[in-house]
Protein backbone atom coordinates (compact mmCIF):
# COMPACT_ATOMS: atom_id res chain seq x y z
CA HIS A 1 0.00 0.00 0.00
CA GLY A 2 2.85 2.38 0.79
CA GLN A 3 4.43 1.97 -2.63
CA ILE A 4 1.07 2.48 -4.33
CA ARG A 5 0.61 5.75 -2.42
CA ASP A 6 4.17 6.79 -3.27
CA TYR A 7 3.47 6.37 -6.98
CA ALA A 8 0.31 8.46 -6.69
CA MET A 9 2.25 11.17 -4.84
CA ARG A 10 4.94 11.22 -7.53
CA VAL A 11 2.28 11.79 -10.16
CA ARG A 12 0.52 14.52 -8.15
CA SER A 13 3.81 16.34 -7.58
CA ARG A 14 4.15 16.86 -11.34
CA VAL A 15 0.62 18.07 -12.10
CA HIS A 16 -0.30 21.67 -11.37
CA GLY A 17 -4.00 21.76 -12.05
CA PRO A 18 -7.05 19.52 -12.35
CA GLN A 19 -6.38 18.24 -15.87
CA GLU A 20 -7.13 14.53 -15.92
CA GLN A 21 -5.15 14.04 -19.12
CA ALA A 22 -2.04 15.40 -17.39
CA PHE A 23 -2.45 12.93 -14.52
CA LEU A 24 -2.63 10.02 -16.96
CA ALA A 25 0.31 11.28 -19.01
CA HIS A 26 2.56 11.54 -15.95
CA LEU A 27 1.32 8.21 -14.58
CA HIS A 28 2.36 6.54 -17.83
CA GLU A 29 5.66 8.41 -17.91
CA ILE A 30 6.56 7.26 -14.39
CA LEU A 31 5.41 3.65 -14.67
CA PHE A 32 6.43 2.73 -18.18
CA GLU A 33 9.23 5.12 -19.15
CA GLU A 34 11.07 5.90 -15.92
CA ASP A 35 10.46 2.72 -13.89
CA GLY A 36 10.13 0.49 -16.94
CA TYR A 37 7.27 -1.81 -15.97
CA LYS A 38 6.87 -4.54 -18.57
CA CYS A 39 5.06 -7.78 -19.21
CA ALA A 40 6.73 -11.01 -18.12
CA ARG A 41 7.65 -13.46 -20.82
CA GLU A 42 5.68 -16.64 -21.18
CA PRO A 43 5.71 -19.16 -19.64
CA PHE A 44 4.92 -16.99 -16.64
CA GLN A 45 6.45 -17.70 -13.24
CA HIS A 46 3.99 -17.86 -10.34
CA THR A 47 5.78 -14.88 -8.73
CA ASP A 48 4.79 -12.76 -11.76
CA ASN A 49 1.29 -12.69 -10.24
CA TYR A 50 2.26 -11.35 -6.80
CA LEU A 51 2.05 -7.55 -6.64
CA PRO A 52 4.77 -7.25 -3.93
CA ILE A 53 7.13 -9.13 -6.28
CA VAL A 54 5.97 -7.17 -9.33
CA LEU A 55 6.75 -3.92 -7.51
CA ILE A 56 10.32 -5.16 -7.00
CA THR A 57 11.00 -6.75 -10.39
CA LYS A 58 8.93 -4.25 -12.44
CA CYS A 59 7.71 -7.29 -14.39
CA GLY A 60 4.39 -9.14 -14.19
CA THR A 61 1.60 -10.94 -15.98
CA PRO A 62 -0.93 -8.87 -17.93
CA THR A 63 -3.49 -9.32 -15.13
CA ALA A 64 -1.02 -8.32 -12.40
CA LEU A 65 0.13 -5.21 -14.30
CA CYS A 66 -3.49 -4.19 -14.86
CA LEU A 67 -4.21 -4.66 -11.15
CA LEU A 68 -1.21 -2.48 -10.26
CA TYR A 69 -2.26 0.18 -12.77
CA LYS A 70 -5.79 0.11 -11.37
CA ALA A 71 -4.58 0.50 -7.78
CA ILE A 72 -2.44 3.55 -8.59
CA ALA A 73 -4.92 5.23 -10.96
CA GLU A 74 -7.72 4.91 -8.42
CA GLN A 75 -5.51 6.72 -5.87
CA LEU A 76 -5.55 9.57 -8.41
CA GLY A 77 -9.35 9.59 -8.61
CA PHE A 78 -9.92 7.55 -11.77
CA ARG A 79 -12.38 4.69 -12.03
CA VAL A 80 -10.58 1.71 -13.52
CA GLY A 81 -11.92 -1.68 -14.51
CA GLY A 82 -10.34 -4.81 -15.90
CA ILE A 83 -11.39 -6.05 -19.34
CA ALA A 84 -10.77 -9.80 -19.58
CA LEU A 85 -9.83 -10.51 -23.20
CA PRO A 86 -8.67 -13.82 -24.65
CA VAL A 87 -4.96 -14.22 -23.75
CA PHE A 88 -4.53 -10.95 -21.82
CA THR A 89 -6.18 -8.20 -19.80
CA VAL A 90 -6.49 -4.45 -20.45
CA CYS A 91 -7.80 -1.61 -18.30
CA SER A 92 -10.78 0.61 -18.94
CA VAL A 93 -10.31 4.10 -17.53
CA GLU A 94 -13.23 6.47 -17.03
CA TRP A 95 -12.34 10.16 -17.27
CA ASP A 96 -13.57 13.49 -18.64
CA ASN A 97 -17.28 13.16 -17.83
CA ASN A 98 -17.52 9.37 -18.09
CA LYS A 99 -15.56 8.99 -21.30
CA SER A 100 -13.70 5.68 -21.39
CA LEU A 101 -10.38 4.77 -22.86
CA PHE A 102 -8.60 1.42 -22.89
CA VAL A 103 -5.03 1.06 -21.64
CA ASN A 104 -2.72 -1.90 -22.16
CA PRO A 105 -0.16 -1.86 -19.30
CA CYS A 106 1.54 -4.85 -20.91
CA ASP A 107 2.40 -2.71 -23.93
CA GLY A 108 3.95 0.30 -22.23
CA GLY A 109 0.57 1.77 -21.31
CA ARG A 110 -0.48 2.10 -24.94
CA ILE A 111 -4.01 3.37 -25.55
CA VAL A 112 -5.94 0.83 -27.60
CA SER A 113 -9.14 1.51 -29.49
CA ARG A 114 -12.39 -0.38 -29.32
CA GLU A 115 -11.79 -1.50 -32.90
CA GLU A 116 -8.39 -2.97 -32.00
CA ILE A 117 -9.93 -4.89 -29.12
CA LYS A 118 -12.66 -6.22 -31.40
CA GLU A 119 -10.07 -7.32 -33.98
CA HIS A 120 -8.03 -9.08 -31.29
CA VAL A 121 -11.05 -10.93 -29.92
CA GLU A 122 -12.17 -12.09 -33.37
CA ALA A 123 -8.61 -13.13 -34.25
CA GLN A 124 -8.79 -15.53 -31.29
CA GLU A 125 -11.92 -17.03 -32.89
CA VAL A 126 -14.16 -15.68 -30.14
CA GLU A 127 -17.52 -14.23 -31.12
CA TRP A 128 -17.66 -10.50 -30.48
CA SER A 129 -20.14 -9.05 -28.00
CA ASP A 130 -20.27 -5.59 -26.42
CA SER A 131 -20.44 -7.35 -23.05
CA ILE A 132 -16.73 -8.19 -23.49
CA LEU A 133 -15.99 -4.54 -22.68
CA GLU A 134 -17.75 -4.75 -19.31
CA PRO A 135 -15.31 -4.63 -16.36
CA ILE A 136 -14.81 -7.92 -14.56
CA SER A 137 -15.60 -8.37 -10.87
CA HIS A 138 -12.99 -8.47 -8.11
CA ARG A 139 -13.63 -12.21 -7.84
CA SER A 140 -12.76 -12.61 -11.50
CA TRP A 141 -9.55 -10.56 -11.05
CA ILE A 142 -8.38 -13.00 -8.36
CA THR A 143 -9.50 -16.01 -10.41
CA ARG A 144 -7.35 -14.90 -13.34
CA LEU A 145 -4.32 -14.55 -11.09
CA LEU A 146 -4.92 -18.01 -9.60
CA GLN A 147 -5.39 -19.57 -13.03
CA ASN A 148 -2.09 -18.04 -14.13
CA MET A 149 -0.48 -19.60 -11.07
CA VAL A 150 -2.01 -23.00 -11.84
CA GLN A 151 -0.55 -22.84 -15.34
CA SER A 152 2.91 -21.89 -14.09
CA PHE A 153 2.85 -24.71 -11.51
CA ALA A 154 1.69 -27.13 -14.24
CA ASP A 155 4.71 -26.19 -16.36
CA THR A 156 6.97 -27.42 -13.55
CA GLN A 157 4.67 -30.31 -12.52
CA SER A 158 4.32 -28.84 -9.02
CA PHE A 159 1.15 -30.79 -8.26
CA GLU A 160 0.88 -29.85 -4.57
CA ASP A 161 1.09 -26.17 -5.48
CA ILE A 162 -1.58 -26.67 -8.15
CA ALA A 163 -3.85 -28.25 -5.53
CA ALA A 164 -3.26 -25.30 -3.17
CA ALA A 165 -4.09 -22.73 -5.88
CA LEU A 166 -7.22 -24.68 -6.87
CA GLU A 167 -8.33 -24.80 -3.25
CA MET A 168 -8.08 -21.00 -3.09
CA GLU A 169 -10.06 -20.79 -6.32
CA MET A 170 -12.72 -23.05 -4.83
CA LEU A 171 -13.23 -20.52 -2.02
CA LEU A 172 -14.28 -18.07 -4.74
CA TRP A 173 -16.40 -20.54 -6.73
CA PRO A 174 -17.73 -23.17 -4.26
CA GLU A 175 -20.34 -24.34 -6.77
CA ARG A 176 -17.71 -25.51 -9.29
CA LEU A 177 -17.49 -29.20 -8.48
CA GLU A 178 -14.77 -29.82 -11.07
CA LEU A 179 -12.42 -27.96 -8.73
CA VAL A 180 -13.10 -30.57 -6.02
CA ARG A 181 -12.20 -33.31 -8.51
CA ASP A 182 -9.06 -31.58 -9.73
CA ILE A 183 -7.77 -30.95 -6.20
CA GLY A 184 -8.12 -34.67 -5.49
CA LEU A 185 -6.33 -35.58 -8.71
CA MET A 186 -3.45 -33.22 -8.01
CA LEU A 187 -3.02 -34.58 -4.48
CA ALA A 188 -3.03 -38.11 -5.92
CA GLN A 189 -0.37 -37.07 -8.42
CA SER A 190 1.65 -35.85 -5.42
CA LEU A 191 1.35 -39.35 -3.89
CA ARG A 192 -0.79 -37.96 -1.08
CA GLN A 193 -3.53 -40.56 -1.48
CA ASP A 194 -4.92 -40.24 2.05
CA GLU A 195 -5.59 -36.55 1.41
CA ALA A 196 -6.79 -37.10 -2.16
CA ARG A 197 -9.38 -39.74 -1.24
CA PRO A 198 -11.91 -37.51 0.61
CA TRP A 199 -11.83 -34.93 -2.18
CA LEU A 200 -12.58 -37.53 -4.84
CA GLN A 201 -15.22 -39.20 -2.67
CA ALA A 202 -16.93 -35.85 -2.11
CA TYR A 203 -16.92 -35.22 -5.86
CA LEU A 204 -18.29 -38.65 -6.80
CA ALA A 205 -21.01 -38.38 -4.16
CA ARG A 206 -22.40 -35.33 -5.96
CA VAL A 207 -21.62 -36.13 -9.60
CA ASP A 208 -22.74 -39.39 -11.24
CA ASP A 209 -22.23 -38.61 -14.91
CA ASP A 210 -18.51 -37.85 -15.14
CA PRO A 211 -17.09 -39.56 -18.27
CA GLN A 212 -14.11 -40.69 -16.15
CA GLN A 213 -16.20 -41.90 -13.22
CA PHE A 214 -14.78 -45.45 -13.27
CA GLU A 215 -11.17 -44.18 -13.29
CA LEU A 216 -11.91 -41.74 -10.48
CA GLU A 217 -13.46 -44.52 -8.38
CA GLN A 218 -10.40 -46.67 -8.96
């Protein structure tokens, strides 16, 4: 929190007036030109999702950089949302009487147009809908970070860590029974059968049409 406030104070110290455009310009100058925040290279490391680490390394996942940008910009009075696109996340910034612009912190804070976003979405073979531009909830922010962590742990076959991240995700989405199954499978992969068994039993007690039901019972 202290570093977030420090960034906001650095921006304010350079703006002499109420011009919102000046606040954004100096915010981008400080974050992306002077301090050099950039997007981590894939495959992402799990630490690329932790804001305390991102503040040290100046490098993070698209979702983490958007979250950092949001935290600082909101200290300056802007309303910032996350737009969850296929592959990466951008920020929507409301300013100048509810006008919105889209910022990509993973590309040096570049302003992207609605048309560019639409082209990107369609290039990923996803059907376009205006609802894609609606800001995601806080729960979805955290879910994206956890899913990034799951992927990074999968790259190193860290099955216990995958199970831990999935358990945190299940706290956000308790109705998603596939998370119960996957936690059990990851614990089994870690040779922790005694801990895996109750998870799989709980899943099978509530789901009777899983295509892999026989294998899960075994």
